[in-house]
Amino acid sequence: MRLERFETSWTKGPATMTPQVDSGQFNSGSQPWFAIYTRHQHEKTVASALSSKGFNTYLPLYQSRSQWKDRVKRLLLPLFPCYVFLQGGLDRPLDILSTPGVCNIVAQAGRPAAIPEEEVEAVRRITASDSPVERHAFMKSGDRVRIKSGALQGVEGFLVRQKNSLRLVLSVSILGSSASVEVDHRDVELAG
């Protein structure tokens, strides 16, 4: 079995700075994605350490403003705190679990739980878009919609109204977490 090393490159957009994996790694038919549960505030360290061991990782980040007494600071925070996405690599569980900051591999019924590729792809697309991304409470119900045009065309999620704007909420079911991105009402249609 040949081990391939995947490099992480950083892209900077107007609203976010997100580590993006090479686009070829998101092709359908590739290995499934899993979630690694990390210690609090160890996501970046874990993603970096696993990448240096040859694993394909993805850590979506969003930009947040923090107000301190004397200044405002912009921070890059994990979109899903305490989680790092890992594509394949479960044939080397000791290498994963012995990485400093890793607590466990997210599992269901005692087996590592694969995350649907379309959920990871949707998160990757919203973090790569120019729209501001933020964390959102996990949703299970609501109108499921699909973006019908623009950079996010084909992405599906739940539509919510926040103040004077509409937001598309994307959920990663296995993590019980969601993210949202602002959308124009003319760009959405009911999915189904």
Protein backbone atom coordinates (compact mmCIF):
# COMPACT_ATOMS: atom_id res chain seq x y z
CA MET A 1 0.00 0.00 0.00
CA ARG A 2 1.45 3.33 -1.07
CA LEU A 3 1.22 6.17 1.43
CA GLU A 4 0.49 9.55 -0.10
CA ARG A 5 1.25 12.79 1.71
CA PHE A 6 -1.33 15.54 1.39
CA GLU A 7 -0.22 19.10 1.98
CA THR A 8 -2.47 21.70 3.53
CA SER A 9 -2.45 25.13 1.96
CA TRP A 10 -3.96 28.29 3.40
CA THR A 11 -6.28 30.50 1.38
CA LYS A 12 -7.37 33.90 2.53
CA GLY A 13 -10.68 35.41 1.52
CA PRO A 14 -12.34 38.62 2.64
CA ALA A 15 -14.21 37.05 5.56
CA THR A 16 -12.32 33.88 6.38
CA MET A 17 -8.96 32.26 6.44
CA THR A 18 -9.39 28.54 6.13
CA PRO A 19 -7.00 25.66 5.66
CA GLN A 20 -8.05 24.07 2.40
CA VAL A 21 -6.99 20.63 1.29
CA ASP A 22 -6.21 20.02 -2.36
CA SER A 23 -9.45 19.90 -4.35
CA GLY A 24 -8.68 16.41 -5.64
CA GLN A 25 -9.17 15.03 -2.15
CA PHE A 26 -12.88 15.81 -2.23
CA ASN A 27 -13.65 13.59 -5.24
CA SER A 28 -16.50 11.16 -4.83
CA GLY A 29 -15.47 7.55 -4.52
CA SER A 30 -12.50 8.43 -2.32
CA GLN A 31 -12.08 7.24 1.25
CA PRO A 32 -14.78 8.25 3.74
CA TRP A 33 -14.44 11.14 6.16
CA PHE A 34 -14.42 10.68 9.93
CA ALA A 35 -14.38 13.08 12.87
CA ILE A 36 -11.62 13.15 15.46
CA TYR A 37 -12.62 14.45 18.88
CA THR A 38 -9.88 16.65 20.36
CA ARG A 39 -9.10 18.35 23.64
CA HIS A 40 -10.50 21.87 23.99
CA GLN A 41 -8.52 24.37 21.87
CA HIS A 42 -6.24 21.68 20.40
CA GLU A 43 -7.88 21.47 16.95
CA LYS A 44 -5.14 23.33 15.04
CA THR A 45 -2.36 21.39 16.77
CA VAL A 46 -4.07 18.05 16.08
CA ALA A 47 -4.75 18.89 12.42
CA SER A 48 -1.13 19.92 11.93
CA ALA A 49 0.28 16.86 13.72
CA LEU A 50 -1.94 14.43 11.81
CA SER A 51 -1.05 16.12 8.50
CA SER A 52 2.65 15.79 9.32
CA LYS A 53 2.05 12.05 9.89
CA GLY A 54 0.65 11.78 6.35
CA PHE A 55 -3.06 11.89 7.16
CA ASN A 56 -5.53 13.90 5.09
CA THR A 57 -7.15 16.35 7.51
CA TYR A 58 -9.57 19.23 7.17
CA LEU A 59 -10.12 21.90 9.82
CA PRO A 60 -12.70 24.52 8.79
CA LEU A 61 -12.10 27.88 10.48
CA TYR A 62 -14.10 31.10 10.66
CA GLN A 63 -13.07 34.61 11.59
CA SER A 64 -14.39 36.08 14.82
CA ARG A 65 -13.90 39.45 16.51
CA SER A 66 -13.00 39.51 20.18
CA GLN A 67 -13.46 42.77 22.10
CA TRP A 68 -10.91 43.37 24.83
CA LYS A 69 -10.64 46.45 27.03
CA ASP A 70 -7.91 48.09 24.97
CA ARG A 71 -8.43 46.60 21.49
CA VAL A 72 -10.43 44.45 19.10
CA LYS A 73 -8.73 41.29 17.91
CA ARG A 74 -9.67 39.07 14.98
CA LEU A 75 -9.36 35.37 15.74
CA LEU A 76 -9.53 32.28 13.54
CA LEU A 77 -11.66 29.76 15.40
CA PRO A 78 -12.72 26.22 14.53
CA LEU A 79 -16.17 26.10 12.98
CA PHE A 80 -16.76 22.84 14.90
CA PRO A 81 -14.95 23.17 18.27
CA CYS A 82 -13.12 20.04 19.44
CA TYR A 83 -13.38 18.30 16.06
CA VAL A 84 -11.01 17.73 13.12
CA PHE A 85 -12.10 15.93 9.96
CA LEU A 86 -9.95 13.00 8.80
CA GLN A 87 -10.27 11.27 5.45
CA GLY A 88 -9.57 7.53 5.65
CA GLY A 89 -6.50 6.49 7.58
CA LEU A 90 -8.30 4.28 10.08
CA ASP A 91 -5.92 1.47 9.18
CA ARG A 92 -3.43 3.32 11.46
CA PRO A 93 -5.51 3.89 14.62
CA LEU A 94 -2.51 3.96 16.95
CA ASP A 95 -0.94 6.81 14.94
CA ILE A 96 -4.19 8.76 15.26
CA LEU A 97 -4.95 8.08 18.92
CA SER A 98 -1.34 8.66 20.06
CA THR A 99 -1.32 12.17 18.58
CA PRO A 100 -1.16 14.76 21.38
CA GLY A 101 -4.56 16.40 21.86
CA VAL A 102 -6.61 13.56 20.29
CA CYS A 103 -9.25 12.13 22.62
CA ASN A 104 -11.06 9.68 20.36
CA ILE A 105 -12.48 8.89 16.95
CA VAL A 106 -16.20 9.71 16.82
CA ALA A 107 -18.11 6.42 16.73
CA GLN A 108 -21.62 5.03 16.61
CA ALA A 109 -22.40 1.61 18.05
CA GLY A 110 -18.72 1.09 18.77
CA ARG A 111 -17.57 1.64 15.16
CA PRO A 112 -16.02 4.79 13.65
CA ALA A 113 -18.88 6.78 12.12
CA ALA A 114 -18.34 7.93 8.54
CA ILE A 115 -19.51 11.45 7.74
CA PRO A 116 -21.40 11.75 4.45
CA GLU A 117 -19.07 13.25 1.84
CA GLU A 118 -21.72 15.77 0.77
CA GLU A 119 -21.74 17.24 4.30
CA VAL A 120 -17.95 17.72 4.30
CA GLU A 121 -18.08 19.11 0.74
CA ALA A 122 -20.83 21.58 1.73
CA VAL A 123 -18.76 22.82 4.70
CA ARG A 124 -15.70 23.16 2.46
CA ARG A 125 -17.67 25.17 -0.09
CA ILE A 126 -19.15 27.64 2.40
CA THR A 127 -15.80 28.25 4.10
CA ALA A 128 -14.19 28.83 0.69
CA SER A 129 -16.92 31.29 -0.36
CA ASP A 130 -16.70 35.06 0.11
CA SER A 131 -19.74 35.05 2.43
CA PRO A 132 -19.20 35.50 6.18
CA VAL A 133 -19.50 32.15 7.98
CA GLU A 134 -20.35 31.71 11.63
CA ARG A 135 -21.24 28.93 14.05
CA HIS A 136 -24.92 28.11 14.42
CA ALA A 137 -27.00 26.05 16.80
CA PHE A 138 -27.63 22.52 15.50
CA MET A 139 -30.97 22.13 13.73
CA LYS A 140 -32.97 19.03 12.99
CA SER A 141 -36.11 20.56 11.57
CA GLY A 142 -36.99 23.41 9.24
CA ASP A 143 -37.27 24.01 5.53
CA ARG A 144 -34.60 22.12 3.64
CA VAL A 145 -33.42 24.27 0.74
CA ARG A 146 -30.91 24.10 -2.10
CA ILE A 147 -28.85 26.98 -3.49
CA LYS A 148 -29.77 27.26 -7.17
CA SER A 149 -27.12 29.70 -8.43
CA GLY A 150 -23.78 31.26 -7.58
CA ALA A 151 -20.66 29.85 -5.94
CA LEU A 152 -22.70 27.66 -3.59
CA GLN A 153 -24.96 26.17 -6.30
CA GLY A 154 -26.23 22.72 -5.30
CA VAL A 155 -25.41 23.05 -1.58
CA GLU A 156 -28.35 21.97 0.58
CA GLY A 157 -29.21 22.99 4.11
CA PHE A 158 -31.90 24.54 6.29
CA LEU A 159 -33.10 28.08 5.80
CA VAL A 160 -33.44 30.36 8.82
CA ARG A 161 -34.13 34.08 9.20
CA GLN A 162 -31.71 36.04 11.36
CA LYS A 163 -32.50 39.72 11.87
CA ASN A 164 -32.91 41.13 8.34
CA SER A 165 -31.11 38.34 6.49
CA LEU A 166 -31.57 34.75 5.44
CA ARG A 167 -28.97 32.17 6.38
CA LEU A 168 -28.37 28.66 5.07
CA VAL A 169 -27.60 26.31 7.96
CA LEU A 170 -25.47 23.26 7.20
CA SER A 171 -25.42 20.47 9.73
CA VAL A 172 -22.86 17.73 10.32
CA SER A 173 -25.19 15.20 11.90
CA ILE A 174 -22.63 12.97 13.55
CA LEU A 175 -21.10 15.94 15.41
CA GLY A 176 -24.42 17.51 16.39
CA SER A 177 -23.06 20.83 15.09
CA SER A 178 -24.01 23.32 12.44
CA ALA A 179 -22.62 26.31 10.55
CA SER A 180 -24.47 29.04 8.69
CA VAL A 181 -23.79 31.36 5.77
CA GLU A 182 -25.80 34.36 4.55
CA VAL A 183 -27.73 33.78 1.31
CA ASP A 184 -29.97 35.81 -0.98
CA HIS A 185 -33.62 34.66 -1.05
CA ARG A 186 -33.51 34.67 -4.86
CA ASP A 187 -30.78 32.01 -4.83
CA VAL A 188 -32.66 29.34 -2.87
CA GLU A 189 -35.32 26.80 -3.76
CA LEU A 190 -37.00 24.06 -1.75
CA ALA A 191 -35.00 20.83 -1.87
CA GLY A 192 -36.73 17.62 -2.30
